Amino acid sequence: MPHLESMEHSRYELLFRQAPSRFLVMEPCAPFHIRDATDSYLDVTLTRRDIIGRPLFDVFPGNPDDASATGVQDLTASFERALAGRTTDTMPVLKYDIPDRSGAFVERHWTPVNATVVEGDGTRVAIVHRTEDVTSFVKEGEVLRGEAAHLRHEILSRSRDLALANEALRDSIEQHRRIVAIVGHDLREPLATVRMGVEVLRRHFEQLGARPPRAVDILRAASSRMEELLSDLDDYSVTRLQGHLSIERQRVNLRDICEEVVQAAQLAHPERAIELESGENILAHVDPKRKRQLLTNLLDNALTYGAADRPVRVSVRRVTGGCVMKVSNEGEPIPEDVIPTLFHPFQRGPGTGSARESGHLGLGLYIVQQITQAHEGAVDVTSTPQETQFSVFIPS
């Protein structure tokens, strides 16, 4: 029998497509374009091979007649967990109705498993989605005997337990979301007062022909940072409720956005060296507000955890199919066991001193990932004793 590595591509493709399991291979970022599927997957999902190349949720949208359907959100959350941890995420029994070939939705229950395919350097190259149709075991009234009857009883029992656990989890998430929203709302009013007071002081000194004291600049930068933290809280609440961030694309020059963000960061951190490496106009169809937020979060992360006596570098370059924005810093590398959870919400790096005492919420990198996925891009990190670098690919 020939070794798989020596098998021609066409035969390997044939082997995959005729495999007995229900496998779907997708791009490792939203909107999860379908790369390939086994024939048995196409059969069980009532689809044909023309789904290849299409976004997953265009092929399998939520059932518009079921107001309680959460399949799209639940499956997206599982993908994100698998991608963030570069691991496998096993889901409980999932109700996800699918359209038949006439377009009418039919009830289906599944047991999905989602795994991230990772190269040797940690790069995520695909998501493999495996699922089994367990509708006959879950639906009431099915006549089964022997081991099948026992299996049906076990699945129903576990499904009920999981349903109760999921309901409690949804209640907890909703309560948490409300608390976050209330806190964000209640903090904005006193923050607006502080910012107004700072602007009054600044204009007063300018009218006197004097330079505002350094304390005014510090207060101004600190209030801007508080505004950014509240925006991160708002975005976290939205992603937990809707499963994604909304964006409004415009044709913008990414070099201008980088210059603007770097200048603001330099004002807030005059003691730090920040270098921008970009000399060309790079036009892209993106949400400019979100891209400023993304770069601000990456730059703030580098300034927080990078060596204070070494420069932070920002660059944006054209590449095949789009462009890449990079932020790098020197200093202690990120431990390998931290990297898989680095983009999880409320995760903070292992820094000491000012890094620990900076009041960071641990949402910055999570928001970076959400903004990147909303733009159908990819974010990755490499960390060595020489340099830590975050790279964001933005497709054309």
Protein backbone atom coordinates (compact mmCIF):
# COMPACT_ATOMS: atom_id res chain seq x y z
CA MET A 1 0.00 0.00 0.00
CA PRO A 2 1.56 3.37 -0.99
CA HIS A 3 2.37 5.92 1.72
CA LEU A 4 -0.12 8.82 1.85
CA GLU A 5 2.67 11.37 1.30
CA SER A 6 3.50 9.74 -2.05
CA MET A 7 -0.11 9.42 -3.17
CA GLU A 8 -1.02 11.68 -6.10
CA HIS A 9 -3.23 14.63 -5.30
CA SER A 10 -6.13 13.29 -7.37
CA ARG A 11 -6.15 9.99 -5.49
CA TYR A 12 -5.87 11.70 -2.14
CA GLU A 13 -8.83 13.91 -3.13
CA LEU A 14 -10.77 10.78 -4.11
CA LEU A 15 -9.88 9.15 -0.80
CA PHE A 16 -11.15 12.16 1.14
CA ARG A 17 -14.37 12.59 -0.81
CA GLN A 18 -15.36 8.94 -0.52
CA ALA A 19 -14.51 8.71 3.19
CA PRO A 20 -17.50 7.32 5.15
CA SER A 21 -17.55 10.16 7.70
CA ARG A 22 -19.36 13.48 7.24
CA PHE A 23 -16.51 15.99 6.86
CA LEU A 24 -16.57 19.63 5.74
CA VAL A 25 -13.36 21.68 5.29
CA MET A 26 -13.54 25.48 5.58
CA GLU A 27 -11.39 28.60 5.59
CA PRO A 28 -10.20 29.42 9.16
CA CYS A 29 -11.99 32.78 9.37
CA ALA A 30 -15.42 34.30 8.84
CA PRO A 31 -17.43 33.93 6.65
CA PHE A 32 -15.98 30.37 6.58
CA HIS A 33 -15.85 29.66 2.85
CA ILE A 34 -16.23 25.94 2.11
CA ARG A 35 -13.13 24.29 0.63
CA ASP A 36 -14.26 20.68 0.30
CA ALA A 37 -16.72 18.09 1.61
CA THR A 38 -17.07 14.33 1.65
CA ASP A 39 -19.82 12.79 -0.45
CA SER A 40 -21.49 11.42 2.69
CA TYR A 41 -21.64 14.99 4.11
CA LEU A 42 -23.33 16.23 0.95
CA ASP A 43 -25.83 13.37 1.14
CA VAL A 44 -26.78 13.91 4.78
CA THR A 45 -27.12 17.71 4.34
CA LEU A 46 -29.15 17.44 1.10
CA THR A 47 -26.58 19.45 -0.85
CA ARG A 48 -24.41 19.05 -3.95
CA ARG A 49 -20.80 19.79 -4.73
CA ASP A 50 -21.67 23.28 -5.99
CA ILE A 51 -21.55 24.45 -2.36
CA ILE A 52 -17.72 24.44 -2.62
CA GLY A 53 -16.40 28.00 -2.52
CA ARG A 54 -19.51 29.47 -0.87
CA PRO A 55 -19.73 30.88 2.69
CA LEU A 56 -21.06 28.25 5.10
CA PHE A 57 -23.99 30.27 6.39
CA ASP A 58 -25.06 31.22 2.87
CA VAL A 59 -25.49 27.50 2.22
CA PHE A 60 -27.04 26.82 5.64
CA PRO A 61 -28.82 29.97 6.85
CA GLY A 62 -30.85 29.95 10.03
CA ASN A 63 -34.45 28.81 9.72
CA PRO A 64 -36.41 32.08 9.24
CA ASP A 65 -39.58 30.42 10.56
CA ASP A 66 -37.97 29.45 13.90
CA ALA A 67 -37.55 32.55 16.07
CA SER A 68 -35.76 30.51 18.75
CA ALA A 69 -33.13 29.07 16.40
CA THR A 70 -29.56 29.63 17.65
CA GLY A 71 -27.72 27.23 15.34
CA VAL A 72 -25.76 29.89 13.46
CA GLN A 73 -24.61 31.61 16.66
CA ASP A 74 -23.78 28.34 18.43
CA LEU A 75 -21.80 26.94 15.49
CA THR A 76 -19.92 30.25 15.02
CA ALA A 77 -19.01 30.30 18.71
CA SER A 78 -17.67 26.73 18.43
CA PHE A 79 -15.54 27.69 15.40
CA GLU A 80 -14.12 30.65 17.31
CA ARG A 81 -13.26 28.49 20.33
CA ALA A 82 -11.51 25.93 18.12
CA LEU A 83 -9.60 28.65 16.23
CA ALA A 84 -8.61 30.63 19.31
CA GLY A 85 -7.26 27.55 21.06
CA ARG A 86 -5.93 25.90 17.89
CA THR A 87 -7.75 22.80 19.10
CA THR A 88 -10.92 20.69 18.78
CA ASP A 89 -14.30 21.85 20.08
CA THR A 90 -17.00 19.22 20.66
CA MET A 91 -20.56 20.54 20.75
CA PRO A 92 -23.65 19.14 22.46
CA VAL A 93 -26.55 17.94 20.32
CA LEU A 94 -27.38 20.90 18.07
CA LYS A 95 -30.77 21.61 16.50
CA TYR A 96 -30.03 23.13 13.10
CA ASP A 97 -32.76 22.95 10.46
CA ILE A 98 -31.56 22.77 6.85
CA PRO A 99 -33.24 23.59 3.53
CA ASP A 100 -34.17 20.64 1.36
CA ARG A 101 -33.73 20.78 -2.41
CA SER A 102 -37.07 22.57 -2.77
CA GLY A 103 -35.94 25.30 -0.37
CA ALA A 104 -38.25 24.28 2.50
CA PHE A 105 -36.59 23.88 5.90
CA VAL A 106 -36.61 20.44 7.54
CA GLU A 107 -35.90 19.70 11.18
CA ARG A 108 -32.47 18.24 11.89
CA HIS A 109 -30.39 17.49 15.01
CA TRP A 110 -26.61 17.05 14.85
CA THR A 111 -23.55 16.14 16.94
CA PRO A 112 -20.85 18.50 15.56
CA VAL A 113 -17.11 18.39 16.23
CA ASN A 114 -14.95 21.26 14.95
CA ALA A 115 -11.16 21.02 14.71
CA THR A 116 -8.52 23.56 13.69
CA VAL A 117 -5.87 22.33 11.26
CA VAL A 118 -2.52 23.87 12.30
CA GLU A 119 0.83 23.94 10.52
CA GLY A 120 4.11 23.34 12.35
CA ASP A 121 4.62 27.08 12.94
CA GLY A 122 1.17 27.45 14.52
CA THR A 123 -0.54 28.96 11.47
CA ARG A 124 -4.21 28.04 11.23
CA VAL A 125 -4.92 26.73 7.74
CA ALA A 126 -8.44 25.29 7.93
CA ILE A 127 -11.37 24.18 10.06
CA VAL A 128 -12.59 20.61 9.73
CA HIS A 129 -16.24 20.20 10.68
CA ARG A 130 -17.49 16.68 11.34
CA THR A 131 -21.12 15.98 12.10
CA GLU A 132 -23.61 13.13 12.45
CA ASP A 133 -27.36 13.35 11.92
CA VAL A 134 -29.06 12.16 15.16
CA THR A 135 -32.52 13.48 14.32
CA SER A 136 -34.11 10.03 14.52
CA PHE A 137 -32.77 9.58 18.06
CA VAL A 138 -33.91 12.98 19.28
CA LYS A 139 -37.38 13.36 17.77
CA GLU A 140 -40.22 12.05 19.90
CA GLY A 141 -42.22 9.09 18.63
CA GLU A 142 -39.39 7.27 16.88
CA VAL A 143 -39.78 3.47 17.25
CA LEU A 144 -36.42 1.90 18.11
CA ARG A 145 -35.41 -1.43 19.65
CA GLY A 146 -32.44 -3.01 21.40
CA GLU A 147 -29.21 -1.01 21.47
CA ALA A 148 -30.76 1.75 19.33
CA ALA A 149 -33.49 2.26 21.95
CA HIS A 150 -30.88 2.46 24.70
CA LEU A 151 -28.84 4.94 22.65
CA ARG A 152 -31.92 7.05 22.00
CA HIS A 153 -32.71 7.15 25.72
CA GLU A 154 -29.12 8.16 26.53
CA ILE A 155 -29.05 10.90 23.89
CA LEU A 156 -32.41 12.29 25.00
CA SER A 157 -31.30 12.26 28.62
CA ARG A 158 -28.07 14.07 27.81
CA SER A 159 -29.86 16.49 25.51
CA ARG A 160 -32.26 17.47 28.31
CA ASP A 161 -29.35 17.96 30.72
CA LEU A 162 -27.49 20.01 28.14
CA ALA A 163 -30.62 22.04 27.39
CA LEU A 164 -30.95 22.95 31.06
CA ALA A 165 -27.24 23.78 31.30
CA ASN A 166 -27.42 25.87 28.12
CA GLU A 167 -30.43 27.76 29.41
CA ALA A 168 -28.61 28.55 32.65
CA LEU A 169 -25.55 29.61 30.63
CA ARG A 170 -27.66 31.88 28.39
CA ASP A 171 -29.21 33.49 31.46
CA SER A 172 -25.75 34.04 32.93
CA ILE A 173 -24.43 35.53 29.67
CA GLU A 174 -27.47 37.82 29.38
CA GLN A 175 -27.05 38.99 32.97
CA HIS A 176 -23.35 39.60 32.34
CA ARG A 177 -24.14 41.50 29.14
CA ARG A 178 -26.61 43.74 30.98
CA ILE A 179 -24.10 44.47 33.73
CA VAL A 180 -21.47 45.39 31.14
CA ALA A 181 -23.95 47.65 29.32
CA ILE A 182 -25.03 49.38 32.55
CA VAL A 183 -21.46 49.90 33.72
CA GLY A 184 -20.47 51.30 30.33
CA HIS A 185 -23.44 53.66 30.25
CA ASP A 186 -22.96 54.89 33.82
CA LEU A 187 -19.26 55.58 33.28
CA ARG A 188 -19.72 57.59 30.10
CA GLU A 189 -21.46 60.52 31.80
CA PRO A 190 -18.70 61.32 34.36
CA LEU A 191 -16.09 60.61 31.67
CA ALA A 192 -17.74 63.17 29.38
CA THR A 193 -17.58 65.69 32.23
CA VAL A 194 -13.86 65.02 32.71
CA ARG A 195 -13.16 65.38 29.00
CA MET A 196 -15.14 68.61 28.83
CA GLY A 197 -13.18 69.99 31.79
CA VAL A 198 -9.88 69.07 30.17
CA GLU A 199 -10.86 70.81 26.93
CA VAL A 200 -11.91 73.95 28.87
CA LEU A 201 -8.51 74.01 30.61
CA ARG A 202 -6.68 73.52 27.35
CA ARG A 203 -8.55 76.34 25.60
CA HIS A 204 -8.03 78.61 28.62
CA PHE A 205 -4.26 78.26 28.44
CA GLU A 206 -4.29 78.71 24.66
CA GLN A 207 -6.28 81.95 25.02
CA LEU A 208 -3.64 83.18 27.47
CA GLY A 209 -0.97 82.37 24.89
CA ALA A 210 0.57 79.76 27.17
CA ARG A 211 1.26 76.09 26.59
CA PRO A 212 -1.09 73.87 28.64
CA PRO A 213 0.68 72.08 31.51
CA ARG A 214 1.79 68.50 30.95
CA ALA A 215 -0.94 67.37 33.37
CA VAL A 216 -3.61 68.56 30.91
CA ASP A 217 -2.14 66.39 28.13
CA ILE A 218 -1.96 63.42 30.51
CA LEU A 219 -5.62 63.83 31.53
CA ARG A 220 -6.64 64.19 27.90
CA ALA A 221 -4.81 61.00 26.90
CA ALA A 222 -6.15 59.13 29.94
CA SER A 223 -9.75 60.09 29.20
CA SER A 224 -9.29 58.98 25.57
CA ARG A 225 -7.99 55.64 26.80
CA MET A 226 -11.00 55.27 29.10
CA GLU A 227 -13.25 55.92 26.10
CA GLU A 228 -11.44 53.17 24.18
CA LEU A 229 -11.88 50.73 27.09
CA LEU A 230 -15.61 51.47 27.23
CA SER A 231 -15.85 50.92 23.47
CA ASP A 232 -14.14 47.54 23.91
CA LEU A 233 -16.72 46.66 26.58
CA ASP A 234 -19.55 47.66 24.25
CA ASP A 235 -18.07 45.59 21.42
CA TYR A 236 -17.60 42.59 23.69
CA SER A 237 -21.26 42.81 24.68
CA VAL A 238 -22.30 42.99 21.00
CA THR A 239 -20.21 39.98 19.95
CA ARG A 240 -21.59 37.88 22.79
CA LEU A 241 -25.14 38.81 21.78
CA GLN A 242 -24.90 38.80 17.96
CA GLY A 243 -21.84 36.59 17.39
CA HIS A 244 -19.99 39.21 15.31
CA LEU A 245 -19.18 42.91 14.92
CA SER A 246 -20.82 45.01 12.22
CA ILE A 247 -18.61 47.08 9.91
CA GLU A 248 -19.13 49.89 7.41
CA ARG A 249 -16.57 49.68 4.61
CA GLN A 250 -15.08 52.72 2.90
CA ARG A 251 -12.20 53.28 0.50
CA VAL A 252 -9.43 54.59 2.77
CA ASN A 253 -5.66 54.99 2.88
CA LEU A 254 -4.28 52.63 5.54
CA ARG A 255 -1.06 54.62 5.74
CA ASP A 256 -3.05 57.67 6.92
CA ILE A 257 -4.81 55.58 9.58
CA CYS A 258 -1.46 54.25 10.81
CA GLU A 259 0.01 57.75 11.01
CA GLU A 260 -3.01 59.03 12.92
CA VAL A 261 -2.94 56.19 15.47
CA VAL A 262 0.83 56.37 15.96
CA GLN A 263 0.69 60.14 16.54
CA ALA A 264 -2.02 59.69 19.17
CA ALA A 265 -0.05 56.93 20.90
CA GLN A 266 3.11 59.05 20.86
CA LEU A 267 1.23 61.90 22.51
CA ALA A 268 0.00 59.57 25.25
CA HIS A 269 3.45 57.96 25.67
CA PRO A 270 6.04 60.67 24.93
CA GLU A 271 8.72 58.69 26.75
CA ARG A 272 8.44 55.74 24.33
CA ALA A 273 9.89 55.32 20.86
CA ILE A 274 7.29 54.38 18.23
CA GLU A 275 8.46 53.84 14.66
CA LEU A 276 6.14 53.78 11.64
CA GLU A 277 7.52 51.96 8.61
CA SER A 278 5.37 52.86 5.62
CA GLY A 279 6.12 55.13 2.73
CA GLU A 280 3.40 54.31 0.24
CA ASN A 281 -0.31 54.89 -0.09
CA ILE A 282 -2.21 51.68 0.55
CA LEU A 283 -5.86 51.91 -0.39
CA ALA A 284 -8.23 49.35 1.09
CA HIS A 285 -11.98 48.81 1.35
CA VAL A 286 -12.34 48.65 5.15
CA ASP A 287 -14.15 50.21 8.10
CA PRO A 288 -11.78 53.09 9.04
CA LYS A 289 -13.12 53.41 12.59
CA ARG A 290 -12.63 49.70 13.25
CA LYS A 291 -9.14 49.71 11.73
CA ARG A 292 -8.13 52.60 14.01
CA GLN A 293 -9.50 50.63 16.95
CA LEU A 294 -7.64 47.49 15.87
CA LEU A 295 -4.29 49.26 15.49
CA THR A 296 -4.79 51.21 18.73
CA ASN A 297 -5.35 47.97 20.63
CA LEU A 298 -2.31 46.29 19.09
CA LEU A 299 -0.13 49.32 19.73
CA ASP A 300 -1.36 49.63 23.32
CA ASN A 301 -0.59 45.94 23.86
CA ALA A 302 2.96 46.38 22.52
CA LEU A 303 3.56 49.46 24.67
CA THR A 304 2.24 47.68 27.76
CA TYR A 305 4.21 44.44 27.45
CA GLY A 306 7.23 45.50 25.39
CA ALA A 307 10.57 46.58 26.79
CA ALA A 308 10.30 50.24 27.86
CA ASP A 309 13.75 51.13 26.49
CA ARG A 310 13.18 49.57 23.07
CA PRO A 311 11.09 50.92 20.17
CA VAL A 312 7.69 49.63 19.10
CA ARG A 313 7.44 49.24 15.33
CA VAL A 314 4.34 49.60 13.15
CA SER A 315 4.23 48.76 9.46
CA VAL A 316 1.70 48.26 6.68
CA ARG A 317 2.69 46.63 3.39
CA ARG A 318 1.07 45.34 0.21
CA VAL A 319 1.10 41.57 -0.24
CA THR A 320 -0.52 39.18 -2.70
CA GLY A 321 -4.28 39.36 -2.26
CA GLY A 322 -4.31 42.34 0.10
CA CYS A 323 -2.05 43.92 2.68
CA VAL A 324 -0.52 43.13 6.07
CA MET A 325 -0.41 45.39 9.11
CA LYS A 326 2.24 44.50 11.71
CA VAL A 327 3.01 45.70 15.23
CA SER A 328 6.17 44.41 16.90
CA ASN A 329 8.01 44.97 20.15
CA GLU A 330 11.07 43.66 21.93
CA GLY A 331 11.11 42.25 25.44
CA GLU A 332 10.10 39.06 27.19
CA PRO A 333 8.49 36.57 24.77
CA ILE A 334 4.93 35.35 25.26
CA PRO A 335 5.00 31.89 26.92
CA GLU A 336 3.89 29.12 24.57
CA ASP A 337 1.10 28.03 26.90
CA VAL A 338 -0.39 31.55 26.83
CA ILE A 339 -0.59 31.91 23.02
CA PRO A 340 -3.59 29.55 22.50
CA THR A 341 -5.77 31.74 24.78
CA LEU A 342 -4.27 35.10 23.85
CA PHE A 343 -7.32 36.21 21.85
CA HIS A 344 -9.85 35.04 24.42
CA PRO A 345 -11.85 37.75 26.23
CA PHE A 346 -10.58 38.95 29.63
CA GLN A 347 -7.15 37.39 29.07
CA ARG A 348 -4.10 39.43 30.02
CA GLY A 349 -0.46 38.82 29.31
CA PRO A 350 2.01 37.58 31.90
CA GLY A 351 3.80 40.90 32.31
CA THR A 352 4.81 42.33 35.63
CA GLY A 353 4.93 45.79 37.13
CA SER A 354 3.19 48.41 35.01
CA ALA A 355 1.80 45.74 32.70
CA ARG A 356 -0.12 44.21 35.57
CA GLU A 357 -1.11 47.50 37.13
CA SER A 358 -2.22 49.26 33.94
CA GLY A 359 -5.92 48.55 34.45
CA HIS A 360 -6.28 46.60 31.21
CA LEU A 361 -9.52 44.66 30.85
CA GLY A 362 -8.01 41.93 28.72
CA LEU A 363 -10.36 42.68 25.82
CA GLY A 364 -7.98 44.43 23.43
CA LEU A 365 -6.73 41.38 21.51
CA TYR A 366 -10.19 39.80 21.54
CA ILE A 367 -11.57 42.91 19.81
CA VAL A 368 -8.64 42.80 17.35
CA GLN A 369 -9.64 39.26 16.39
CA GLN A 370 -13.33 40.17 16.04
CA ILE A 371 -12.57 43.18 13.82
CA THR A 372 -10.24 41.07 11.68
CA GLN A 373 -12.84 38.33 11.23
CA ALA A 374 -15.49 40.93 10.32
CA HIS A 375 -13.15 42.02 7.49
CA GLU A 376 -12.67 38.36 6.43
CA GLY A 377 -8.98 38.63 7.33
CA ALA A 378 -6.65 36.74 9.65
CA VAL A 379 -4.57 37.70 12.68
CA ASP A 380 -1.56 35.80 13.97
CA VAL A 381 1.22 36.22 16.51
CA THR A 382 4.82 35.05 16.68
CA SER A 383 6.95 35.51 19.78
CA THR A 384 10.66 34.82 20.19
CA PRO A 385 13.29 36.13 22.63
CA GLN A 386 14.17 38.69 19.96
CA GLU A 387 10.72 40.00 19.04
CA THR A 388 6.96 39.63 19.49
CA GLN A 389 4.98 40.45 16.37
CA PHE A 390 1.26 40.62 15.66
CA SER A 391 0.31 40.41 11.96
CA VAL A 392 -3.11 41.23 10.53
CA PHE A 393 -3.87 40.22 6.94
CA ILE A 394 -6.49 42.38 5.22
CA PRO A 395 -7.80 40.94 1.93
CA SER A 396 -8.29 43.22 -1.07
